[in-house]
Protein backbone atom coordinates (compact mmCIF):
# COMPACT_ATOMS: atom_id res chain seq x y z
CA UNK A 1 -6.24 10.04 -3.04
CA UNK A 2 -9.46 8.84 -1.55
CA UNK A 3 -11.86 6.46 -3.25
CA UNK A 4 -15.48 7.44 -3.64
CA UNK A 5 -17.40 4.34 -2.50
CA UNK A 6 -20.44 5.21 -4.62
CA UNK A 7 -18.68 5.69 -7.96
CA UNK A 8 -15.48 3.70 -7.33
CA UNK A 9 -13.43 6.61 -8.67
CA UNK A 10 -10.59 8.37 -6.92
CA UNK A 11 -10.59 11.96 -5.69
CA UNK A 12 -7.48 14.01 -5.04
CA UNK A 13 -7.97 15.13 -1.45
CA UNK A 14 -5.00 17.52 -1.59
CA UNK A 15 -6.62 19.86 -4.12
CA UNK A 16 -7.78 23.19 -2.77
CA UNK A 17 -9.96 25.79 -4.37
CA UNK A 18 -9.83 29.51 -3.79
CA UNK A 19 -13.62 29.32 -3.60
CA UNK A 20 -13.60 26.94 -0.64
CA UNK A 21 -13.97 28.63 2.69
CA UNK A 22 -13.15 26.61 5.78
CA UNK A 23 -16.27 26.00 7.77
CA UNK A 24 -15.91 26.99 11.41
CA UNK A 25 -17.95 24.96 13.85
CA UNK A 26 -19.39 26.41 17.02
CA UNK A 27 -16.30 25.33 18.96
CA UNK A 28 -13.86 26.92 16.51
CA UNK A 29 -13.01 30.54 16.00
CA UNK A 30 -13.33 32.09 12.53
CA UNK A 31 -10.17 32.12 10.41
CA UNK A 32 -7.60 34.71 11.40
CA UNK A 33 -5.63 36.89 9.00
CA UNK A 34 -2.72 34.45 9.44
CA UNK A 35 -4.99 31.55 8.43
CA UNK A 36 -6.08 33.48 5.35
CA UNK A 37 -2.44 34.21 4.40
CA UNK A 38 -1.57 30.52 4.82
CA UNK A 39 -4.40 29.56 2.49
CA UNK A 40 -3.31 32.09 -0.15
CA UNK A 41 0.23 30.70 0.06
CA UNK A 42 -1.01 27.10 -0.13
CA UNK A 43 -3.03 27.91 -3.24
CA UNK A 44 0.24 28.79 -4.99
CA UNK A 45 1.69 25.34 -4.21
CA UNK A 46 1.27 22.84 -7.08
CA UNK A 47 0.50 20.12 -4.53
CA UNK A 48 -2.78 21.88 -3.84
CA UNK A 49 -3.57 23.16 -7.34
CA UNK A 50 -2.64 20.35 -9.75
CA UNK A 51 -4.64 17.13 -9.86
CA UNK A 52 -2.35 14.13 -9.39
CA UNK A 53 -4.50 12.05 -11.75
CA UNK A 54 -4.39 14.71 -14.47
CA UNK A 55 -0.65 15.23 -14.03
CA UNK A 56 0.09 11.49 -14.21
CA UNK A 57 -2.14 11.05 -17.25
CA UNK A 58 -0.51 13.96 -19.09
CA UNK A 59 3.02 12.74 -18.34
CA UNK A 60 2.22 9.19 -19.51
CA UNK A 61 0.55 10.57 -22.65
CA UNK A 62 3.58 12.79 -23.39
CA UNK A 63 5.89 9.80 -22.98
CA UNK A 64 3.69 7.76 -25.30
CA UNK A 65 3.82 10.49 -27.95
CA UNK A 66 7.59 10.84 -27.54
CA UNK A 67 8.34 7.11 -27.83
CA UNK A 68 5.55 6.16 -30.20
CA UNK A 69 3.02 3.42 -29.53
CA UNK A 70 5.48 0.55 -30.02
CA UNK A 71 8.20 2.08 -27.84
CA UNK A 72 5.74 3.00 -25.11
CA UNK A 73 4.32 -0.55 -25.06
CA UNK A 74 7.86 -1.94 -24.81
CA UNK A 75 8.55 0.41 -21.90
CA UNK A 76 5.30 -0.50 -20.11
CA UNK A 77 6.14 -4.20 -20.43
CA UNK A 78 9.14 -3.58 -18.18
CA UNK A 79 6.95 -2.12 -15.42
CA UNK A 80 5.82 -4.45 -12.63
CA UNK A 81 2.32 -5.81 -13.33
CA UNK A 82 1.02 -4.67 -9.94
CA UNK A 83 2.12 -1.10 -10.70
CA UNK A 84 0.43 -1.23 -14.11
CA UNK A 85 -2.78 -2.49 -12.48
CA UNK A 86 -2.67 0.29 -9.89
CA UNK A 87 -2.03 2.89 -12.60
CA UNK A 88 -5.00 1.62 -14.60
CA UNK A 89 -7.27 1.81 -11.54
CA UNK A 90 -5.90 5.22 -10.61
CA UNK A 91 -6.43 6.64 -14.10
CA UNK A 92 -9.84 5.09 -14.58
CA UNK A 93 -12.08 7.65 -16.26
CA UNK A 94 -9.30 9.46 -18.15
């Protein structure tokens, strides 16, 4: 995750889009067929296709629904306060 200094939000820098084409500079050669195959393979990997923020939010929400509000609050009280603070910052905007 990288933080956007202008908005203060986080961006998942591991996400890839099939629409993104690597930009070759003058010093670099255009992508080879092997490079294209690697990208197609990488696009099938959840690391590059699933937002970490969205995944974390959905898992926490599912846990909250499973345990109920009271049970989830009890569980979150057992989590280190620094971790809770980091989670809140990380999930800001969700």
